[in-house]
Amino acid sequence: MIDDRLEYAITQYLDGELTPTERAQLEARLAADPQAMRLLDQHRKLQEALRGLPPPRVAWDALAEATSSAIAAEEDSLERAVVAQVDGEPTEIDDPAAEPLLRQHRKLACLLRSMPPVPQVRWDALAKHISRAVARQQRQQVRRALMQPVWVRRATVALAACAAIGLGLWAMFRTPPAPPVQVAIVQGPAPQAADGPALAEISIGPSPRALQEGRLPDHADLVLETPRYSTIATARPTGQDIFWLAAQ
């Protein structure tokens, strides 16, 4: 029969965990014991076969979930044991981590015992009171809706429709605003010989009537004032009228 201590020493020998003294003693035993040598060969073959295998596939998500569940179960069991001991049930707790949890539960139990008693509530009466309040609110809403005459609701709808139609017609047929008044006056050329270009005086600015009535454009103070009359050369023949242009 193979000694368990010999087999354990062989596994440590293959793993390189023996001290030099233990290694020398085991090698002497292997040289003198053929059965021990066969056991060494078996362990060597088993070790080589295991090293040739691919690493196992691990479901890390399942492993993490199982680990978390085990930790939670252990914490829950510790919590239940602490609560049972605080409630006076005979429970033995050997975990050192239970001591601070036990102190917390004892303080909580003392606090709860020192609180005033919970008042007794007549739940049936409370339910009836709530039901009556809800029914009263519903009746008030229905009464307010019925108090408004039918003709008032119809007149409101008709007025809203008329207002919408009027706004549409106003937007369709309204007169656009008058453009700002600007007048350009072109005065005819003075008599001169027909063998040269004619000279014309052009006046740019509001009309005399607009100036008299004070009707100036909104942007009159945003531009620099230009000379009222300018003399320019024109290629039109002398004597041909230059029409008066105005925009109003």
Protein backbone atom coordinates (compact mmCIF):
# COMPACT_ATOMS: atom_id res chain seq x y z
CA MET A 1 0.00 0.00 0.00
CA ILE A 2 1.28 3.44 -0.91
CA ASP A 3 1.76 5.83 1.99
CA ASP A 4 -0.22 9.07 1.68
CA ARG A 5 2.77 10.99 2.95
CA LEU A 6 4.91 9.51 0.15
CA GLU A 7 2.37 10.53 -2.51
CA TYR A 8 2.18 14.02 -1.08
CA ALA A 9 5.97 14.26 -1.05
CA ILE A 10 6.05 13.16 -4.72
CA THR A 11 3.60 15.91 -5.72
CA GLN A 12 5.70 18.48 -3.87
CA TYR A 13 8.81 17.04 -5.54
CA LEU A 14 7.28 17.55 -8.98
CA ASP A 15 6.17 21.09 -8.04
CA GLY A 16 9.65 21.95 -6.73
CA GLU A 17 8.46 22.75 -3.22
CA LEU A 18 10.75 20.41 -1.22
CA THR A 19 13.78 21.60 0.70
CA PRO A 20 17.19 20.21 -0.35
CA THR A 21 17.19 17.80 2.60
CA GLU A 22 13.67 16.50 1.86
CA ARG A 23 14.51 16.22 -1.82
CA ALA A 24 17.60 14.06 -1.07
CA GLN A 25 15.61 11.79 1.24
CA LEU A 26 12.86 11.29 -1.37
CA GLU A 27 15.32 10.52 -4.16
CA ALA A 28 16.96 7.88 -1.94
CA ARG A 29 13.52 6.37 -1.31
CA LEU A 30 12.70 6.35 -5.04
CA ALA A 31 16.00 4.65 -5.89
CA ALA A 32 15.31 1.85 -3.39
CA ASP A 33 11.52 1.44 -3.89
CA PRO A 34 10.26 0.43 -7.40
CA GLN A 35 6.64 1.01 -6.38
CA ALA A 36 7.45 4.59 -5.36
CA MET A 37 9.19 5.09 -8.73
CA ARG A 38 6.07 3.87 -10.57
CA LEU A 39 3.97 6.33 -8.58
CA LEU A 40 6.37 9.10 -9.57
CA ASP A 41 5.99 8.15 -13.25
CA GLN A 42 2.18 8.17 -12.95
CA HIS A 43 2.19 11.64 -11.42
CA ARG A 44 4.54 12.91 -14.10
CA LYS A 45 2.27 11.62 -16.89
CA LEU A 46 -0.79 13.08 -15.16
CA GLN A 47 0.92 16.43 -14.77
CA GLU A 48 1.97 16.49 -18.45
CA ALA A 49 -1.58 15.58 -19.54
CA LEU A 50 -3.03 18.38 -17.45
CA ARG A 51 -0.58 20.90 -18.84
CA GLY A 52 -1.56 19.92 -22.40
CA LEU A 53 -5.22 20.65 -21.82
CA PRO A 54 -6.63 24.06 -22.86
CA PRO A 55 -7.67 26.35 -20.02
CA PRO A 56 -11.29 25.90 -19.02
CA ARG A 57 -13.84 28.46 -20.21
CA VAL A 58 -15.18 30.40 -17.28
CA ALA A 59 -18.51 32.19 -17.37
CA TRP A 60 -17.29 35.26 -15.55
CA ASP A 61 -20.73 36.90 -15.40
CA ALA A 62 -22.26 33.84 -13.78
CA LEU A 63 -19.29 33.53 -11.41
CA ALA A 64 -19.60 37.19 -10.38
CA GLU A 65 -23.35 36.79 -9.85
CA ALA A 66 -22.85 33.64 -7.80
CA THR A 67 -20.18 35.34 -5.69
CA SER A 68 -22.41 38.37 -5.08
CA SER A 69 -25.33 36.13 -4.16
CA ALA A 70 -23.19 34.18 -1.71
CA ILE A 71 -21.94 37.38 -0.07
CA ALA A 72 -25.48 38.78 0.14
CA ALA A 73 -26.77 35.53 1.62
CA GLU A 74 -24.01 35.58 4.21
CA GLU A 75 -24.78 39.20 5.10
CA ASP A 76 -28.50 38.41 5.32
CA SER A 77 -27.86 35.45 7.59
CA LEU A 78 -25.64 37.61 9.80
CA GLU A 79 -28.32 40.32 9.88
CA ARG A 80 -30.98 37.79 10.85
CA ALA A 81 -28.77 36.38 13.60
CA VAL A 82 -28.09 39.85 15.00
CA VAL A 83 -31.79 40.77 14.96
CA ALA A 84 -32.68 37.49 16.65
CA GLN A 85 -30.14 38.09 19.40
CA VAL A 86 -31.38 41.65 19.95
CA ASP A 87 -34.94 40.31 20.20
CA GLY A 88 -33.83 37.98 22.98
CA GLU A 89 -33.64 34.74 21.02
CA PRO A 90 -30.75 32.41 21.96
CA THR A 91 -28.34 32.84 19.06
CA GLU A 92 -24.60 32.27 18.87
CA ILE A 93 -22.59 34.57 16.60
CA ASP A 94 -18.91 33.80 16.06
CA ASP A 95 -18.29 36.39 13.33
CA PRO A 96 -16.20 39.37 14.60
CA ALA A 97 -17.90 41.60 12.02
CA ALA A 98 -21.20 41.17 13.84
CA GLU A 99 -20.17 43.25 16.85
CA PRO A 100 -20.62 46.76 15.31
CA LEU A 101 -23.85 45.61 13.64
CA LEU A 102 -25.07 44.28 16.97
CA ARG A 103 -24.38 47.64 18.65
CA GLN A 104 -26.33 49.49 15.95
CA HIS A 105 -29.35 47.21 16.31
CA ARG A 106 -29.32 47.54 20.08
CA LYS A 107 -29.31 51.35 19.81
CA LEU A 108 -32.17 51.19 17.32
CA ALA A 109 -34.16 48.89 19.61
CA CYS A 110 -33.68 51.26 22.55
CA LEU A 111 -34.79 54.21 20.40
CA LEU A 112 -37.92 52.40 19.24
CA ARG A 113 -38.83 51.40 22.79
CA SER A 114 -38.47 55.01 23.98
CA MET A 115 -40.87 56.36 21.34
CA PRO A 116 -44.48 57.16 22.31
CA PRO A 117 -47.07 54.55 21.42
CA VAL A 118 -48.60 54.65 17.98
CA PRO A 119 -52.06 56.27 18.08
CA GLN A 120 -55.00 54.06 17.31
CA VAL A 121 -56.73 55.03 14.07
CA ARG A 122 -60.35 54.26 13.25
CA TRP A 123 -59.66 53.13 9.71
CA ASP A 124 -63.32 52.55 8.83
CA ALA A 125 -64.28 56.09 9.82
CA LEU A 126 -61.28 57.51 7.97
CA ALA A 127 -62.23 55.63 4.80
CA LYS A 128 -65.82 56.93 4.99
CA HIS A 129 -64.59 60.49 5.49
CA ILE A 130 -62.32 60.29 2.44
CA SER A 131 -65.13 58.80 0.34
CA ARG A 132 -67.52 61.61 1.32
CA ALA A 133 -64.92 64.28 0.49
CA VAL A 134 -64.30 62.78 -2.96
CA ALA A 135 -68.03 62.53 -3.71
CA ARG A 136 -68.62 66.14 -2.58
CA GLN A 137 -65.84 67.40 -4.86
CA GLN A 138 -67.28 65.52 -7.82
CA ARG A 139 -70.76 66.97 -7.22
CA GLN A 140 -69.34 70.51 -7.11
CA GLN A 141 -67.59 70.03 -10.43
CA VAL A 142 -70.77 68.72 -12.08
CA ARG A 143 -72.83 71.59 -10.59
CA ARG A 144 -70.43 74.25 -11.91
CA ALA A 145 -70.58 72.70 -15.38
CA LEU A 146 -74.40 72.65 -15.39
CA MET A 147 -74.78 76.21 -14.08
CA GLN A 148 -73.35 77.66 -17.28
CA PRO A 149 -76.22 78.13 -19.82
CA VAL A 150 -76.07 76.38 -23.15
CA TRP A 151 -76.44 79.64 -25.09
CA VAL A 152 -73.34 81.05 -23.37
CA ARG A 153 -71.23 78.15 -24.56
CA ARG A 154 -72.67 78.40 -28.08
CA ALA A 155 -72.17 82.18 -28.20
CA THR A 156 -68.56 81.78 -27.09
CA VAL A 157 -67.89 79.33 -29.90
CA ALA A 158 -69.63 81.60 -32.45
CA LEU A 159 -67.67 84.68 -31.34
CA ALA A 160 -64.42 82.77 -31.60
CA ALA A 161 -65.31 81.65 -35.14
CA CYS A 162 -66.27 85.21 -36.20
CA ALA A 163 -63.05 86.58 -34.79
CA ALA A 164 -61.02 84.01 -36.72
CA ILE A 165 -62.87 84.81 -39.98
CA GLY A 166 -62.47 88.56 -39.47
CA LEU A 167 -58.75 88.26 -38.86
CA GLY A 168 -58.41 86.19 -42.03
CA LEU A 169 -60.31 88.74 -44.15
CA TRP A 170 -58.33 91.63 -42.68
CA ALA A 171 -55.05 89.91 -43.46
CA MET A 172 -56.23 89.18 -47.02
CA PHE A 173 -57.64 92.61 -48.02
CA ARG A 174 -55.80 95.10 -45.82
CA THR A 175 -54.20 98.10 -47.57
CA PRO A 176 -50.42 98.06 -47.42
CA PRO A 177 -48.83 101.06 -45.66
CA ALA A 178 -47.84 104.04 -47.79
CA PRO A 179 -44.14 104.17 -48.61
CA PRO A 180 -42.03 107.04 -47.22
CA VAL A 181 -42.29 110.26 -49.23
CA GLN A 182 -39.24 111.02 -51.40
CA VAL A 183 -39.41 113.44 -54.33
CA ALA A 184 -36.84 113.93 -57.05
CA ILE A 185 -37.30 117.07 -59.18
CA VAL A 186 -35.54 117.39 -62.52
CA GLN A 187 -35.71 120.89 -63.95
CA GLY A 188 -35.41 121.40 -67.65
CA PRO A 189 -32.21 122.71 -69.17
CA ALA A 190 -31.65 126.39 -69.82
CA PRO A 191 -31.77 127.51 -73.45
CA GLN A 192 -28.45 127.08 -75.11
CA ALA A 193 -26.91 126.25 -78.40
CA ALA A 194 -27.73 122.89 -79.89
CA ASP A 195 -24.18 122.02 -80.74
CA GLY A 196 -23.18 120.94 -77.21
CA PRO A 197 -24.48 118.87 -74.29
CA ALA A 198 -27.33 120.33 -72.27
CA LEU A 199 -27.01 121.24 -68.58
CA ALA A 200 -29.70 120.25 -66.10
CA GLU A 201 -30.29 121.09 -62.44
CA ILE A 202 -31.42 118.14 -60.33
CA SER A 203 -32.90 118.65 -56.87
CA ILE A 204 -32.85 115.64 -54.54
CA GLY A 205 -34.85 115.60 -51.33
CA PRO A 206 -38.37 115.99 -49.97
CA SER A 207 -40.89 118.01 -51.90
CA PRO A 208 -41.67 121.57 -50.75
CA ARG A 209 -45.11 120.42 -49.66
CA ALA A 210 -43.62 117.60 -47.59
CA LEU A 211 -41.19 120.04 -46.00
CA GLN A 212 -44.05 122.44 -45.24
CA GLU A 213 -46.18 119.71 -43.65
CA GLY A 214 -43.23 118.24 -41.79
CA ARG A 215 -43.58 114.82 -43.47
CA LEU A 216 -40.00 113.62 -43.50
CA PRO A 217 -38.86 110.02 -43.93
CA ASP A 218 -37.97 108.04 -40.81
CA HIS A 219 -34.35 107.75 -41.85
CA ALA A 220 -33.86 111.48 -42.56
CA ASP A 221 -31.57 111.89 -39.54
CA LEU A 222 -29.46 108.87 -40.47
CA VAL A 223 -27.93 110.22 -43.70
CA LEU A 224 -25.78 113.26 -44.42
CA GLU A 225 -27.44 116.22 -46.07
CA THR A 226 -26.49 116.55 -49.72
CA PRO A 227 -26.52 119.75 -51.80
CA ARG A 228 -30.02 120.65 -52.88
CA TYR A 229 -29.10 121.38 -56.49
CA SER A 230 -26.53 119.66 -58.71
CA THR A 231 -25.57 120.58 -62.23
CA ILE A 232 -24.81 117.64 -64.49
CA ALA A 233 -24.20 117.23 -68.20
CA THR A 234 -26.79 115.39 -70.25
CA ALA A 235 -26.52 113.95 -73.73
CA ARG A 236 -30.11 114.77 -74.62
CA PRO A 237 -30.56 117.47 -77.31
CA THR A 238 -31.22 121.01 -76.23
CA GLY A 239 -34.86 121.92 -76.08
CA GLN A 240 -36.14 118.40 -75.34
CA ASP A 241 -38.05 118.29 -72.11
CA ILE A 242 -36.71 116.41 -69.10
CA PHE A 243 -39.73 115.02 -67.38
CA TRP A 244 -40.56 115.75 -63.78
CA LEU A 245 -40.15 112.65 -61.69
CA ALA A 246 -41.79 112.16 -58.40
CA ALA A 247 -42.60 109.27 -56.12
CA GLN A 248 -45.33 109.64 -53.60
